[in-house]
């Protein structure tokens, strides 16, 4: 039961987390990372909003189950390389 409670709170945190694209580069990135950067760039270009929620990214890329964890890992790698900035609300 403790694991499900931890996952529930983690998902609530994700709903209130915004990802902002800092640099539009995908050099040495994987397929998932490239699709995340492309999605962020397209959203910023069309709507003018600099940030997109993690929930919106996962819904747009049709990620579910284990793919959600891969997406979070990809976002952390992008943040480590200063391509995106992850900010909780």
C-alpha atoms as a PDB file:
ATOM      1  CA  UNK A   1       0.000   0.000   0.000  1.00  0.00           C
ATOM      2  CA  UNK A   2       2.827   2.429   0.750  1.00  0.00           C
ATOM      3  CA  UNK A   3       4.092   2.173  -2.834  1.00  0.00           C
ATOM      4  CA  UNK A   4       0.741   3.166  -4.329  1.00  0.00           C
ATOM      5  CA  UNK A   5       0.544   6.182  -2.027  1.00  0.00           C
ATOM      6  CA  UNK A   6       4.026   7.283  -3.141  1.00  0.00           C
ATOM      7  CA  UNK A   7       3.092   6.899  -6.783  1.00  0.00           C
ATOM      8  CA  UNK A   8      -0.128   8.875  -6.260  1.00  0.00           C
ATOM      9  CA  UNK A   9       1.718  11.797  -4.669  1.00  0.00           C
ATOM     10  CA  UNK A  10       4.349  11.643  -7.415  1.00  0.00           C
ATOM     11  CA  UNK A  11       1.636  11.883 -10.085  1.00  0.00           C
ATOM     12  CA  UNK A  12       0.076  14.853  -8.288  1.00  0.00           C
ATOM     13  CA  UNK A  13       3.468  16.576  -8.321  1.00  0.00           C
ATOM     14  CA  UNK A  14       3.798  15.910 -12.053  1.00  0.00           C
ATOM     15  CA  UNK A  15       0.472  17.569 -12.762  1.00  0.00           C
ATOM     16  CA  UNK A  16       1.788  20.769 -11.212  1.00  0.00           C
ATOM     17  CA  UNK A  17       5.217  20.732 -12.925  1.00  0.00           C
ATOM     18  CA  UNK A  18       6.092  22.942 -15.897  1.00  0.00           C
ATOM     19  CA  UNK A  19       8.844  22.264 -18.433  1.00  0.00           C
ATOM     20  CA  UNK A  20      10.407  25.262 -20.209  1.00  0.00           C
ATOM     21  CA  UNK A  21      12.573  24.900 -23.320  1.00  0.00           C
ATOM     22  CA  UNK A  22      15.863  26.784 -22.901  1.00  0.00           C
ATOM     23  CA  UNK A  23      17.765  25.716 -26.023  1.00  0.00           C
ATOM     24  CA  UNK A  24      16.278  24.130 -29.137  1.00  0.00           C
ATOM     25  CA  UNK A  25      18.985  21.563 -29.783  1.00  0.00           C
ATOM     26  CA  UNK A  26      18.782  17.796 -30.056  1.00  0.00           C
ATOM     27  CA  UNK A  27      22.438  17.024 -30.644  1.00  0.00           C
ATOM     28  CA  UNK A  28      23.333  13.654 -29.098  1.00  0.00           C
ATOM     29  CA  UNK A  29      19.748  13.076 -27.939  1.00  0.00           C
ATOM     30  CA  UNK A  30      17.681   9.918 -28.149  1.00  0.00           C
ATOM     31  CA  UNK A  31      14.399   9.484 -29.988  1.00  0.00           C
ATOM     32  CA  UNK A  32      12.213  10.273 -26.952  1.00  0.00           C
ATOM     33  CA  UNK A  33      14.302  13.311 -26.016  1.00  0.00           C
ATOM     34  CA  UNK A  34      14.058  14.646 -29.581  1.00  0.00           C
ATOM     35  CA  UNK A  35      10.277  14.234 -29.586  1.00  0.00           C
ATOM     36  CA  UNK A  36      10.019  16.090 -26.236  1.00  0.00           C
ATOM     37  CA  UNK A  37      12.147  19.001 -27.510  1.00  0.00           C
ATOM     38  CA  UNK A  38      10.174  19.092 -30.767  1.00  0.00           C
ATOM     39  CA  UNK A  39       6.874  19.177 -28.844  1.00  0.00           C
ATOM     40  CA  UNK A  40       8.100  21.975 -26.551  1.00  0.00           C
ATOM     41  CA  UNK A  41       9.367  24.017 -29.512  1.00  0.00           C
ATOM     42  CA  UNK A  42       6.116  23.585 -31.430  1.00  0.00           C
ATOM     43  CA  UNK A  43       4.006  24.612 -28.412  1.00  0.00           C
ATOM     44  CA  UNK A  44       6.170  27.684 -27.767  1.00  0.00           C
ATOM     45  CA  UNK A  45       6.158  28.677 -31.440  1.00  0.00           C
ATOM     46  CA  UNK A  46       2.395  28.348 -31.927  1.00  0.00           C
ATOM     47  CA  UNK A  47       0.990  29.607 -28.623  1.00  0.00           C
ATOM     48  CA  UNK A  48       3.748  31.831 -27.336  1.00  0.00           C
ATOM     49  CA  UNK A  49       3.719  30.147 -23.908  1.00  0.00           C
ATOM     50  CA  UNK A  50       7.222  29.216 -22.775  1.00  0.00           C
ATOM     51  CA  UNK A  51       6.155  26.348 -20.491  1.00  0.00           C
ATOM     52  CA  UNK A  52       4.270  23.091 -20.950  1.00  0.00           C
ATOM     53  CA  UNK A  53       3.105  20.737 -18.185  1.00  0.00           C
ATOM     54  CA  UNK A  54       4.582  17.249 -17.960  1.00  0.00           C
ATOM     55  CA  UNK A  55       1.053  15.840 -18.102  1.00  0.00           C
ATOM     56  CA  UNK A  56       0.498  17.601 -21.449  1.00  0.00           C
ATOM     57  CA  UNK A  57       3.771  16.194 -22.823  1.00  0.00           C
ATOM     58  CA  UNK A  58       2.835  12.646 -21.807  1.00  0.00           C
ATOM     59  CA  UNK A  59      -0.672  12.964 -23.242  1.00  0.00           C
ATOM     60  CA  UNK A  60       0.604  14.395 -26.529  1.00  0.00           C
ATOM     61  CA  UNK A  61       3.255  11.694 -26.958  1.00  0.00           C
ATOM     62  CA  UNK A  62       0.762   8.949 -25.943  1.00  0.00           C
ATOM     63  CA  UNK A  63       2.930   7.681 -23.088  1.00  0.00           C
ATOM     64  CA  UNK A  64       1.564   5.329 -20.449  1.00  0.00           C
ATOM     65  CA  UNK A  65       2.824   2.720 -18.003  1.00  0.00           C
ATOM     66  CA  UNK A  66       6.579   2.172 -18.082  1.00  0.00           C
ATOM     67  CA  UNK A  67       6.953   4.771 -20.835  1.00  0.00           C
ATOM     68  CA  UNK A  68       6.060   7.485 -18.283  1.00  0.00           C
ATOM     69  CA  UNK A  69       9.161   6.612 -16.272  1.00  0.00           C
ATOM     70  CA  UNK A  70      11.273   6.708 -19.442  1.00  0.00           C
ATOM     71  CA  UNK A  71       9.842  10.146 -20.225  1.00  0.00           C
ATOM     72  CA  UNK A  72      10.725  11.433 -16.759  1.00  0.00           C
ATOM     73  CA  UNK A  73      14.258  10.069 -17.134  1.00  0.00           C
ATOM     74  CA  UNK A  74      14.554  11.770 -20.531  1.00  0.00           C
ATOM     75  CA  UNK A  75      13.365  15.067 -19.023  1.00  0.00           C
ATOM     76  CA  UNK A  76      15.956  14.773 -16.260  1.00  0.00           C
ATOM     77  CA  UNK A  77      18.699  14.138 -18.838  1.00  0.00           C
ATOM     78  CA  UNK A  78      17.555  17.171 -20.834  1.00  0.00           C
ATOM     79  CA  UNK A  79      17.571  19.278 -17.674  1.00  0.00           C
ATOM     80  CA  UNK A  80      21.063  18.065 -16.790  1.00  0.00           C
ATOM     81  CA  UNK A  81      22.275  19.190 -20.236  1.00  0.00           C
ATOM     82  CA  UNK A  82      20.593  22.618 -19.801  1.00  0.00           C
ATOM     83  CA  UNK A  83      18.185  22.100 -22.694  1.00  0.00           C
ATOM     84  CA  UNK A  84      15.024  22.350 -20.557  1.00  0.00           C
ATOM     85  CA  UNK A  85      14.169  23.718 -17.129  1.00  0.00           C
ATOM     86  CA  UNK A  86      11.753  21.820 -14.889  1.00  0.00           C
ATOM     87  CA  UNK A  87       9.911  24.038 -12.408  1.00  0.00           C
ATOM     88  CA  UNK A  88       7.251  22.925  -9.923  1.00  0.00           C
ATOM     89  CA  UNK A  89       4.300  25.271  -9.400  1.00  0.00           C
END
